[in-house]
Amino acid sequence: MPREIWRRTASLKVVCHLEHPQTFDLLAHAVQDPAAGVASVGLTLLGTSSDPRATGLLIDALIEQRHPPSRIAVHLEHSPLRPVDAYRALLTHADAVVRFWGAT
């Protein structure tokens, strides 16, 4: 991992650990980052977050499929949050990939 990406991912981890007020916004940007390492750390941190918005971002990432759906599904599965209605909506999504991973 190049040094710049390492610094960015390490900074994200520190900001999350300190529960900085802008953590959620930074994670939202990280998930959209073209650097796969940064996006992966963003997804991982969202998967451990107790912020209800985190699940929404993970579900959006699953629907957008910018990252492997299996990786996002793992983070949703291990999330401390269980938004049943949001998960249920995935089961009727137009995209079969989203339905599949929403059901697992």
PDB file of N, CA and C in Angstrom:
ATOM      1  N   MET A   1       0.856  -1.172   0.000  1.00  0.00           N
ATOM      2  CA  MET A   1       0.000   0.000   0.000  1.00  0.00           C
ATOM      3  C   MET A   1       0.905   1.238   0.000  1.00  0.00           C
ATOM      4  N   PRO A   2       0.743   2.121  -0.981  1.00  0.00           N
ATOM      5  CA  PRO A   2       1.559   3.338  -1.013  1.00  0.00           C
ATOM      6  C   PRO A   2       1.396   4.163   0.268  1.00  0.00           C
ATOM      7  N   ARG A   3       2.420   4.905   0.550  1.00  0.00           N
ATOM      8  CA  ARG A   3       2.456   5.661   1.802  1.00  0.00           C
ATOM      9  C   ARG A   3       1.275   6.622   1.950  1.00  0.00           C
ATOM     10  N   GLU A   4       0.889   7.303   0.875  1.00  0.00           N
ATOM     11  CA  GLU A   4      -0.226   8.258   0.952  1.00  0.00           C
ATOM     12  C   GLU A   4      -1.520   7.544   1.347  1.00  0.00           C
ATOM     13  N   ILE A   5      -1.758   6.394   0.749  1.00  0.00           N
ATOM     14  CA  ILE A   5      -2.980   5.654   1.071  1.00  0.00           C
ATOM     15  C   ILE A   5      -2.910   5.139   2.501  1.00  0.00           C
ATOM     16  N   TRP A   6      -1.743   4.678   2.917  1.00  0.00           N
ATOM     17  CA  TRP A   6      -1.584   4.227   4.296  1.00  0.00           C
ATOM     18  C   TRP A   6      -1.911   5.364   5.261  1.00  0.00           C
ATOM     19  N   ARG A   7      -1.424   6.550   4.980  1.00  0.00           N
ATOM     20  CA  ARG A   7      -1.706   7.702   5.851  1.00  0.00           C
ATOM     21  C   ARG A   7      -3.198   8.010   5.899  1.00  0.00           C
ATOM     22  N   ARG A   8      -3.845   7.957   4.757  1.00  0.00           N
ATOM     23  CA  ARG A   8      -5.281   8.258   4.706  1.00  0.00           C
ATOM     24  C   ARG A   8      -6.091   7.219   5.475  1.00  0.00           C
ATOM     25  N   THR A   9      -5.741   5.951   5.300  1.00  0.00           N
ATOM     26  CA  THR A   9      -6.496   4.915   6.007  1.00  0.00           C
ATOM     27  C   THR A   9      -6.227   4.972   7.507  1.00  0.00           C
ATOM     28  N   ALA A  10      -4.986   5.235   7.882  1.00  0.00           N
ATOM     29  CA  ALA A  10      -4.661   5.355   9.306  1.00  0.00           C
ATOM     30  C   ALA A  10      -5.397   6.542   9.918  1.00  0.00           C
ATOM     31  N   SER A  11      -5.481   7.635   9.186  1.00  0.00           N
ATOM     32  CA  SER A  11      -6.203   8.815   9.680  1.00  0.00           C
ATOM     33  C   SER A  11      -7.684   8.514   9.869  1.00  0.00           C
ATOM     34  N   LEU A  12      -8.275   7.785   8.931  1.00  0.00           N
ATOM     35  CA  LEU A  12      -9.686   7.407   9.070  1.00  0.00           C
ATOM     36  C   LEU A  12      -9.910   6.588  10.337  1.00  0.00           C
ATOM     37  N   LYS A  13      -9.012   5.657  10.584  1.00  0.00           N
ATOM     38  CA  LYS A  13      -9.137   4.813  11.777  1.00  0.00           C
ATOM     39  C   LYS A  13      -9.046   5.638  13.053  1.00  0.00           C
ATOM     40  N   VAL A  14      -8.124   6.585  13.083  1.00  0.00           N
ATOM     41  CA  VAL A  14      -7.962   7.436  14.266  1.00  0.00           C
ATOM     42  C   VAL A  14      -9.198   8.304  14.475  1.00  0.00           C
ATOM     43  N   VAL A  15      -9.686   8.921  13.413  1.00  0.00           N
ATOM     44  CA  VAL A  15     -10.869   9.782  13.506  1.00  0.00           C
ATOM     45  C   VAL A  15     -12.063   8.981  14.020  1.00  0.00           C
ATOM     46  N   CYS A  16     -12.214   7.761  13.537  1.00  0.00           N
ATOM     47  CA  CYS A  16     -13.325   6.909  14.005  1.00  0.00           C
ATOM     48  C   CYS A  16     -13.152   6.554  15.473  1.00  0.00           C
ATOM     49  N   HIS A  17     -11.951   6.183  15.835  1.00  0.00           N
ATOM     50  CA  HIS A  17     -11.686   5.807  17.223  1.00  0.00           C
ATOM     51  C   HIS A  17     -11.974   6.960  18.177  1.00  0.00           C
ATOM     52  N   LEU A  18     -11.659   8.167  17.755  1.00  0.00           N
ATOM     53  CA  LEU A  18     -11.881   9.350  18.596  1.00  0.00           C
ATOM     54  C   LEU A  18     -13.318   9.861  18.528  1.00  0.00           C
ATOM     55  N   GLU A  19     -14.130   9.256  17.654  1.00  0.00           N
ATOM     56  CA  GLU A  19     -15.529   9.649  17.472  1.00  0.00           C
ATOM     57  C   GLU A  19     -15.667  11.137  17.154  1.00  0.00           C
ATOM     58  N   HIS A  20     -14.853  11.586  16.230  1.00  0.00           N
ATOM     59  CA  HIS A  20     -14.878  12.981  15.782  1.00  0.00           C
ATOM     60  C   HIS A  20     -16.239  13.285  15.153  1.00  0.00           C
ATOM     61  N   PRO A  21     -16.767  14.504  15.333  1.00  0.00           N
ATOM     62  CA  PRO A  21     -18.083  14.844  14.776  1.00  0.00           C
ATOM     63  C   PRO A  21     -18.191  14.682  13.255  1.00  0.00           C
ATOM     64  N   GLN A  22     -17.096  14.773  12.540  1.00  0.00           N
ATOM     65  CA  GLN A  22     -17.139  14.652  11.080  1.00  0.00           C
ATOM     66  C   GLN A  22     -16.827  13.240  10.586  1.00  0.00           C
ATOM     67  N   THR A  23     -16.779  12.292  11.498  1.00  0.00           N
ATOM     68  CA  THR A  23     -16.427  10.924  11.121  1.00  0.00           C
ATOM     69  C   THR A  23     -17.315  10.385  10.016  1.00  0.00           C
ATOM     70  N   PHE A  24     -18.623  10.538  10.169  1.00  0.00           N
ATOM     71  CA  PHE A  24     -19.544   9.966   9.190  1.00  0.00           C
ATOM     72  C   PHE A  24     -19.306  10.560   7.803  1.00  0.00           C
ATOM     73  N   ASP A  25     -19.137  11.864   7.722  1.00  0.00           N
ATOM     74  CA  ASP A  25     -18.897  12.511   6.428  1.00  0.00           C
ATOM     75  C   ASP A  25     -17.595  12.022   5.790  1.00  0.00           C
ATOM     76  N   LEU A  26     -16.572  11.855   6.614  1.00  0.00           N
ATOM     77  CA  LEU A  26     -15.292  11.366   6.093  1.00  0.00           C
ATOM     78  C   LEU A  26     -15.413   9.930   5.583  1.00  0.00           C
ATOM     79  N   LEU A  27     -16.182   9.112   6.300  1.00  0.00           N
ATOM     80  CA  LEU A  27     -16.383   7.733   5.851  1.00  0.00           C
ATOM     81  C   LEU A  27     -17.203   7.685   4.566  1.00  0.00           C
ATOM     82  N   ALA A  28     -18.177   8.570   4.457  1.00  0.00           N
ATOM     83  CA  ALA A  28     -18.985   8.629   3.230  1.00  0.00           C
ATOM     84  C   ALA A  28     -18.095   8.961   2.033  1.00  0.00           C
ATOM     85  N   HIS A  29     -17.159   9.865   2.209  1.00  0.00           N
ATOM     86  CA  HIS A  29     -16.224  10.203   1.131  1.00  0.00           C
ATOM     87  C   HIS A  29     -15.259   9.048   0.869  1.00  0.00           C
ATOM     88  N   ALA A  30     -14.837   8.378   1.923  1.00  0.00           N
ATOM     89  CA  ALA A  30     -13.893   7.269   1.764  1.00  0.00           C
ATOM     90  C   ALA A  30     -14.488   6.142   0.926  1.00  0.00           C
ATOM     91  N   VAL A  31     -15.764   5.845   1.139  1.00  0.00           N
ATOM     92  CA  VAL A  31     -16.415   4.764   0.390  1.00  0.00           C
ATOM     93  C   VAL A  31     -16.448   5.081  -1.103  1.00  0.00           C
ATOM     94  N   GLN A  32     -16.506   6.348  -1.455  1.00  0.00           N
ATOM     95  CA  GLN A  32     -16.534   6.762  -2.861  1.00  0.00           C
ATOM     96  C   GLN A  32     -15.134   6.949  -3.448  1.00  0.00           C
ATOM     97  N   ASP A  33     -14.105   6.784  -2.629  1.00  0.00           N
ATOM     98  CA  ASP A  33     -12.728   7.031  -3.064  1.00  0.00           C
ATOM     99  C   ASP A  33     -12.304   6.045  -4.158  1.00  0.00           C
ATOM    100  N   PRO A  34     -11.612   6.535  -5.197  1.00  0.00           N
ATOM    101  CA  PRO A  34     -11.149   5.626  -6.250  1.00  0.00           C
ATOM    102  C   PRO A  34     -10.055   4.657  -5.783  1.00  0.00           C
ATOM    103  N   ALA A  35      -9.374   4.991  -4.693  1.00  0.00           N
ATOM    104  CA  ALA A  35      -8.352   4.084  -4.153  1.00  0.00           C
ATOM    105  C   ALA A  35      -9.051   2.956  -3.393  1.00  0.00           C
ATOM    106  N   ALA A  36      -8.900   1.743  -3.873  1.00  0.00           N
ATOM    107  CA  ALA A  36      -9.598   0.598  -3.280  1.00  0.00           C
ATOM    108  C   ALA A  36      -9.265   0.416  -1.802  1.00  0.00           C
ATOM    109  N   GLY A  37      -8.027   0.693  -1.411  1.00  0.00           N
ATOM    110  CA  GLY A  37      -7.637   0.539  -0.010  1.00  0.00           C
ATOM    111  C   GLY A  37      -8.382   1.490   0.904  1.00  0.00           C
ATOM    112  N   VAL A  38      -8.548   2.721   0.463  1.00  0.00           N
ATOM    113  CA  VAL A  38      -9.279   3.719   1.256  1.00  0.00           C
ATOM    114  C   VAL A  38     -10.750   3.334   1.344  1.00  0.00           C
ATOM    115  N   ALA A  39     -11.333   2.956   0.217  1.00  0.00           N
ATOM    116  CA  ALA A  39     -12.741   2.558   0.204  1.00  0.00           C
ATOM    117  C   ALA A  39     -12.971   1.343   1.092  1.00  0.00           C
ATOM    118  N   SER A  40     -12.067   0.395   1.056  1.00  0.00           N
ATOM    119  CA  SER A  40     -12.198  -0.814   1.864  1.00  0.00           C
ATOM    120  C   SER A  40     -12.177  -0.498   3.357  1.00  0.00           C
ATOM    121  N   VAL A  41     -11.279   0.378   3.765  1.00  0.00           N
ATOM    122  CA  VAL A  41     -11.233   0.777   5.174  1.00  0.00           C
ATOM    123  C   VAL A  41     -12.506   1.529   5.546  1.00  0.00           C
ATOM    124  N   GLY A  42     -12.989   2.376   4.649  1.00  0.00           N
ATOM    125  CA  GLY A  42     -14.246   3.080   4.905  1.00  0.00           C
ATOM    126  C   GLY A  42     -15.397   2.117   5.119  1.00  0.00           C
ATOM    127  N   LEU A  43     -15.495   1.096   4.274  1.00  0.00           N
ATOM    128  CA  LEU A  43     -16.554   0.092   4.417  1.00  0.00           C
ATOM    129  C   LEU A  43     -16.417  -0.670   5.734  1.00  0.00           C
ATOM    130  N   THR A  44     -15.194  -1.041   6.067  1.00  0.00           N
ATOM    131  CA  THR A  44     -14.957  -1.775   7.310  1.00  0.00           C
ATOM    132  C   THR A  44     -15.368  -0.950   8.520  1.00  0.00           C
ATOM    133  N   LEU A  45     -14.988   0.313   8.537  1.00  0.00           N
ATOM    134  CA  LEU A  45     -15.328   1.174   9.669  1.00  0.00           C
ATOM    135  C   LEU A  45     -16.825   1.437   9.741  1.00  0.00           C
ATOM    136  N   LEU A  46     -17.478   1.571   8.601  1.00  0.00           N
ATOM    137  CA  LEU A  46     -18.936   1.727   8.607  1.00  0.00           C
ATOM    138  C   LEU A  46     -19.602   0.479   9.176  1.00  0.00           C
ATOM    139  N   GLY A  47     -19.037  -0.682   8.879  1.00  0.00           N
ATOM    140  CA  GLY A  47     -19.591  -1.936   9.374  1.00  0.00           C
ATOM    141  C   GLY A  47     -19.487  -2.102  10.871  1.00  0.00           C
ATOM    142  N   THR A  48     -18.611  -1.339  11.511  1.00  0.00           N
ATOM    143  CA  THR A  48     -18.479  -1.418  12.967  1.00  0.00           C
ATOM    144  C   THR A  48     -19.159  -0.247  13.671  1.00  0.00           C
ATOM    145  N   SER A  49     -19.686   0.677  12.907  1.00  0.00           N
ATOM    146  CA  SER A  49     -20.274   1.893  13.464  1.00  0.00           C
ATOM    147  C   SER A  49     -21.655   1.641  14.061  1.00  0.00           C
ATOM    148  N   SER A  50     -21.959   2.352  15.128  1.00  0.00           N
ATOM    149  CA  SER A  50     -23.298   2.286  15.725  1.00  0.00           C
ATOM    150  C   SER A  50     -24.161   3.463  15.258  1.00  0.00           C
ATOM    151  N   ASP A  51     -23.642   4.260  14.346  1.00  0.00           N
ATOM    152  CA  ASP A  51     -24.404   5.371  13.764  1.00  0.00           C
ATOM    153  C   ASP A  51     -25.404   4.791  12.767  1.00  0.00           C
ATOM    154  N   PRO A  52     -26.699   5.063  12.936  1.00  0.00           N
ATOM    155  CA  PRO A  52     -27.705   4.499  12.031  1.00  0.00           C
ATOM    156  C   PRO A  52     -27.481   4.848  10.557  1.00  0.00           C
ATOM    157  N   ARG A  53     -26.813   5.947  10.283  1.00  0.00           N
ATOM    158  CA  ARG A  53     -26.542   6.330   8.893  1.00  0.00           C
ATOM    159  C   ARG A  53     -25.536   5.393   8.225  1.00  0.00           C
ATOM    160  N   ALA A  54     -24.736   4.705   9.033  1.00  0.00           N
ATOM    161  CA  ALA A  54     -23.715   3.812   8.487  1.00  0.00           C
ATOM    162  C   ALA A  54     -24.340   2.685   7.676  1.00  0.00           C
ATOM    163  N   THR A  55     -25.406   2.113   8.194  1.00  0.00           N
ATOM    164  CA  THR A  55     -26.068   1.031   7.470  1.00  0.00           C
ATOM    165  C   THR A  55     -26.613   1.535   6.141  1.00  0.00           C
ATOM    166  N   GLY A  56     -27.143   2.742   6.134  1.00  0.00           N
ATOM    167  CA  GLY A  56     -27.647   3.326   4.893  1.00  0.00           C
ATOM    168  C   GLY A  56     -26.555   3.457   3.848  1.00  0.00           C
ATOM    169  N   LEU A  57     -25.372   3.880   4.282  1.00  0.00           N
ATOM    170  CA  LEU A  57     -24.250   3.996   3.338  1.00  0.00           C
ATOM    171  C   LEU A  57     -23.816   2.633   2.816  1.00  0.00           C
ATOM    172  N   LEU A  58     -23.820   1.636   3.693  1.00  0.00           N
ATOM    173  CA  LEU A  58     -23.451   0.294   3.250  1.00  0.00           C
ATOM    174  C   LEU A  58     -24.470  -0.253   2.252  1.00  0.00           C
ATOM    175  N   ILE A  59     -25.744  -0.019   2.527  1.00  0.00           N
ATOM    176  CA  ILE A  59     -26.791  -0.471   1.606  1.00  0.00           C
ATOM    177  C   ILE A  59     -26.671   0.257   0.271  1.00  0.00           C
ATOM    178  N   ASP A  60     -26.407   1.557   0.315  1.00  0.00           N
ATOM    179  CA  ASP A  60     -26.200   2.311  -0.932  1.00  0.00           C
ATOM    180  C   ASP A  60     -25.015   1.748  -1.717  1.00  0.00           C
ATOM    181  N   ALA A  61     -23.945   1.409  -1.003  1.00  0.00           N
ATOM    182  CA  ALA A  61     -22.767   0.838  -1.667  1.00  0.00           C
ATOM    183  C   ALA A  61     -23.097  -0.515  -2.298  1.00  0.00           C
ATOM    184  N   LEU A  62     -23.929  -1.297  -1.630  1.00  0.00           N
ATOM    185  CA  LEU A  62     -24.350  -2.581  -2.192  1.00  0.00           C
ATOM    186  C   LEU A  62     -25.146  -2.369  -3.477  1.00  0.00           C
ATOM    187  N   ILE A  63     -26.038  -1.405  -3.451  1.00  0.00           N
ATOM    188  CA  ILE A  63     -26.873  -1.122  -4.623  1.00  0.00           C
ATOM    189  C   ILE A  63     -26.036  -0.571  -5.782  1.00  0.00           C
ATOM    190  N   GLU A  64     -25.094   0.324  -5.468  1.00  0.00           N
ATOM    191  CA  GLU A  64     -24.254   0.924  -6.514  1.00  0.00           C
ATOM    192  C   GLU A  64     -23.255  -0.067  -7.106  1.00  0.00           C
ATOM    193  N   GLN A  65     -22.859  -1.062  -6.344  1.00  0.00           N
ATOM    194  CA  GLN A  65     -21.927  -2.115  -6.755  1.00  0.00           C
ATOM    195  C   GLN A  65     -20.592  -1.575  -7.258  1.00  0.00           C
ATOM    196  N   ARG A  66     -20.100  -0.532  -6.601  1.00  0.00           N
ATOM    197  CA  ARG A  66     -18.758  -0.032  -6.929  1.00  0.00           C
ATOM    198  C   ARG A  66     -17.694  -0.907  -6.287  1.00  0.00           C
ATOM    199  N   HIS A  67     -18.112  -1.693  -5.310  1.00  0.00           N
ATOM    200  CA  HIS A  67     -17.227  -2.596  -4.580  1.00  0.00           C
ATOM    201  C   HIS A  67     -17.857  -3.983  -4.627  1.00  0.00           C
ATOM    202  N   PRO A  68     -17.082  -5.026  -4.396  1.00  0.00           N
ATOM    203  CA  PRO A  68     -17.657  -6.373  -4.444  1.00  0.00           C
ATOM    204  C   PRO A  68     -18.834  -6.514  -3.464  1.00  0.00           C
ATOM    205  N   PRO A  69     -19.990  -6.922  -3.958  1.00  0.00           N
ATOM    206  CA  PRO A  69     -21.165  -7.055  -3.088  1.00  0.00           C
ATOM    207  C   PRO A  69     -20.934  -8.003  -1.913  1.00  0.00           C
ATOM    208  N   SER A  70     -20.128  -9.031  -2.121  1.00  0.00           N
ATOM    209  CA  SER A  70     -19.862  -9.972  -1.027  1.00  0.00           C
ATOM    210  C   SER A  70     -19.154  -9.285   0.135  1.00  0.00           C
ATOM    211  N   ARG A  71     -18.253  -8.361  -0.176  1.00  0.00           N
ATOM    212  CA  ARG A  71     -17.529  -7.639   0.875  1.00  0.00           C
ATOM    213  C   ARG A  71     -18.478  -6.731   1.660  1.00  0.00           C
ATOM    214  N   ILE A  72     -19.368  -6.073   0.960  1.00  0.00           N
ATOM    215  CA  ILE A  72     -20.324  -5.183   1.625  1.00  0.00           C
ATOM    216  C   ILE A  72     -21.292  -5.997   2.476  1.00  0.00           C
ATOM    217  N   ALA A  73     -21.726  -7.146   1.962  1.00  0.00           N
ATOM    218  CA  ALA A  73     -22.650  -8.003   2.713  1.00  0.00           C
ATOM    219  C   ALA A  73     -22.030  -8.468   4.024  1.00  0.00           C
ATOM    220  N   VAL A  74     -20.735  -8.741   4.024  1.00  0.00           N
ATOM    221  CA  VAL A  74     -20.051  -9.142   5.258  1.00  0.00           C
ATOM    222  C   VAL A  74     -20.134  -8.025   6.289  1.00  0.00           C
ATOM    223  N   HIS A  75     -19.923  -6.795   5.861  1.00  0.00           N
ATOM    224  CA  HIS A  75     -19.978  -5.667   6.798  1.00  0.00           C
ATOM    225  C   HIS A  75     -21.396  -5.441   7.307  1.00  0.00           C
ATOM    226  N   LEU A  76     -22.383  -5.626   6.448  1.00  0.00           N
ATOM    227  CA  LEU A  76     -23.777  -5.511   6.893  1.00  0.00           C
ATOM    228  C   LEU A  76     -24.106  -6.601   7.906  1.00  0.00           C
ATOM    229  N   GLU A  77     -23.620  -7.804   7.649  1.00  0.00           N
ATOM    230  CA  GLU A  77     -23.896  -8.930   8.543  1.00  0.00           C
ATOM    231  C   GLU A  77     -23.293  -8.721   9.924  1.00  0.00           C
ATOM    232  N   HIS A  78     -22.098  -8.152   9.977  1.00  0.00           N
ATOM    233  CA  HIS A  78     -21.417  -7.965  11.258  1.00  0.00           C
ATOM    234  C   HIS A  78     -21.715  -6.625  11.920  1.00  0.00           C
ATOM    235  N   SER A  79     -22.517  -5.820  11.282  1.00  0.00           N
ATOM    236  CA  SER A  79     -22.864  -4.510  11.834  1.00  0.00           C
ATOM    237  C   SER A  79     -23.634  -4.670  13.145  1.00  0.00           C
ATOM    238  N   PRO A  80     -23.390  -3.776  14.107  1.00  0.00           N
ATOM    239  CA  PRO A  80     -24.157  -3.832  15.361  1.00  0.00           C
ATOM    240  C   PRO A  80     -25.608  -3.387  15.176  1.00  0.00           C
ATOM    241  N   LEU A  81     -25.927  -2.844  14.018  1.00  0.00           N
ATOM    242  CA  LEU A  81     -27.277  -2.352  13.740  1.00  0.00           C
ATOM    243  C   LEU A  81     -28.045  -3.370  12.907  1.00  0.00           C
ATOM    244  N   ARG A  82     -29.348  -3.419  13.107  1.00  0.00           N
ATOM    245  CA  ARG A  82     -30.204  -4.342  12.354  1.00  0.00           C
ATOM    246  C   ARG A  82     -31.454  -3.624  11.852  1.00  0.00           C
ATOM    247  N   PRO A  83     -31.330  -2.784  10.820  1.00  0.00           N
ATOM    248  CA  PRO A  83     -32.500  -2.077  10.286  1.00  0.00           C
ATOM    249  C   PRO A  83     -33.332  -3.005   9.394  1.00  0.00           C
ATOM    250  N   VAL A  84     -34.235  -3.720  10.009  1.00  0.00           N
ATOM    251  CA  VAL A  84     -35.000  -4.761   9.319  1.00  0.00           C
ATOM    252  C   VAL A  84     -35.716  -4.227   8.085  1.00  0.00           C
ATOM    253  N   ASP A  85     -36.337  -3.074   8.192  1.00  0.00           N
ATOM    254  CA  ASP A  85     -37.070  -2.525   7.041  1.00  0.00           C
ATOM    255  C   ASP A  85     -36.143  -2.240   5.861  1.00  0.00           C
ATOM    256  N   ALA A  86     -34.959  -1.734   6.150  1.00  0.00           N
ATOM    257  CA  ALA A  86     -34.000  -1.452   5.077  1.00  0.00           C
ATOM    258  C   ALA A  86     -33.531  -2.753   4.426  1.00  0.00           C
ATOM    259  N   TYR A  87     -33.309  -3.783   5.228  1.00  0.00           N
ATOM    260  CA  TYR A  87     -32.908  -5.079   4.681  1.00  0.00           C
ATOM    261  C   TYR A  87     -34.043  -5.693   3.865  1.00  0.00           C
ATOM    262  N   ARG A  88     -35.249  -5.575   4.363  1.00  0.00           N
ATOM    263  CA  ARG A  88     -36.410  -6.140   3.671  1.00  0.00           C
ATOM    264  C   ARG A  88     -36.568  -5.509   2.282  1.00  0.00           C
ATOM    265  N   ALA A  89     -36.302  -4.209   2.183  1.00  0.00           N
ATOM    266  CA  ALA A  89     -36.424  -3.516   0.894  1.00  0.00           C
ATOM    267  C   ALA A  89     -35.453  -4.090  -0.142  1.00  0.00           C
ATOM    268  N   LEU A  90     -34.323  -4.608   0.300  1.00  0.00           N
ATOM    269  CA  LEU A  90     -33.356  -5.195  -0.630  1.00  0.00           C
ATOM    270  C   LEU A  90     -33.923  -6.439  -1.314  1.00  0.00           C
ATOM    271  N   LEU A  91     -34.823  -7.130  -0.646  1.00  0.00           N
ATOM    272  CA  LEU A  91     -35.377  -8.374  -1.188  1.00  0.00           C
ATOM    273  C   LEU A  91     -36.267  -8.152  -2.404  1.00  0.00           C
ATOM    274  N   THR A  92     -36.738  -6.926  -2.582  1.00  0.00           N
ATOM    275  CA  THR A  92     -37.603  -6.624  -3.727  1.00  0.00           C
ATOM    276  C   THR A  92     -36.919  -5.697  -4.732  1.00  0.00           C
ATOM    277  N   HIS A  93     -35.633  -5.516  -4.584  1.00  0.00           N
ATOM    278  CA  HIS A  93     -34.877  -4.639  -5.478  1.00  0.00           C
ATOM    279  C   HIS A  93     -34.885  -5.212  -6.898  1.00  0.00           C
ATOM    280  N   ALA A  94     -34.830  -4.339  -7.884  1.00  0.00           N
ATOM    281  CA  ALA A  94     -34.863  -4.757  -9.293  1.00  0.00           C
ATOM    282  C   ALA A  94     -33.637  -5.581  -9.691  1.00  0.00           C
ATOM    283  N   ASP A  95     -32.505  -5.330  -9.063  1.00  0.00           N
ATOM    284  CA  ASP A  95     -31.257  -6.013  -9.407  1.00  0.00           C
ATOM    285  C   ASP A  95     -31.152  -7.341  -8.643  1.00  0.00           C
ATOM    286  N   ALA A  96     -30.976  -8.424  -9.375  1.00  0.00           N
ATOM    287  CA  ALA A  96     -30.891  -9.754  -8.758  1.00  0.00           C
ATOM    288  C   ALA A  96     -29.693  -9.886  -7.822  1.00  0.00           C
ATOM    289  N   VAL A  97     -28.588  -9.212  -8.131  1.00  0.00           N
ATOM    290  CA  VAL A  97     -27.408  -9.266  -7.267  1.00  0.00           C
ATOM    291  C   VAL A  97     -27.728  -8.649  -5.909  1.00  0.00           C
ATOM    292  N   VAL A  98     -28.416  -7.531  -5.916  1.00  0.00           N
ATOM    293  CA  VAL A  98     -28.799  -6.868  -4.662  1.00  0.00           C
ATOM    294  C   VAL A  98     -29.759  -7.761  -3.880  1.00  0.00           C
ATOM    295  N   ARG A  99     -30.719  -8.362  -4.564  1.00  0.00           N
ATOM    296  CA  ARG A  99     -31.663  -9.272  -3.887  1.00  0.00           C
ATOM    297  C   ARG A  99     -30.924 -10.450  -3.258  1.00  0.00           C
ATOM    298  N   PHE A 100     -29.989 -11.015  -4.005  1.00  0.00           N
ATOM    299  CA  PHE A 100     -29.238 -12.167  -3.501  1.00  0.00           C
ATOM    300  C   PHE A 100     -28.483 -11.817  -2.227  1.00  0.00           C
ATOM    301  N   TRP A 101     -27.701 -10.736  -2.270  1.00  0.00           N
ATOM    302  CA  TRP A 101     -26.894 -10.378  -1.107  1.00  0.00           C
ATOM    303  C   TRP A 101     -27.745  -9.810   0.018  1.00  0.00           C
ATOM    304  N   GLY A 102     -28.890  -9.250  -0.320  1.00  0.00           N
ATOM    305  CA  GLY A 102     -29.811  -8.797   0.719  1.00  0.00           C
ATOM    306  C   GLY A 102     -30.433  -9.956   1.475  1.00  0.00           C
ATOM    307  N   ALA A 103     -30.541 -11.099   0.816  1.00  0.00           N
ATOM    308  CA  ALA A 103     -31.148 -12.273   1.442  1.00  0.00           C
ATOM    309  C   ALA A 103     -30.156 -13.071   2.282  1.00  0.00           C
ATOM    310  N   THR A 104     -28.867 -12.863   2.060  1.00  0.00           N
ATOM    311  CA  THR A 104     -27.886 -13.676   2.783  1.00  0.00           C
ATOM    312  C   THR A 104     -27.437 -13.056   4.068  1.00  0.00           C
TER     313      THR A 104
END
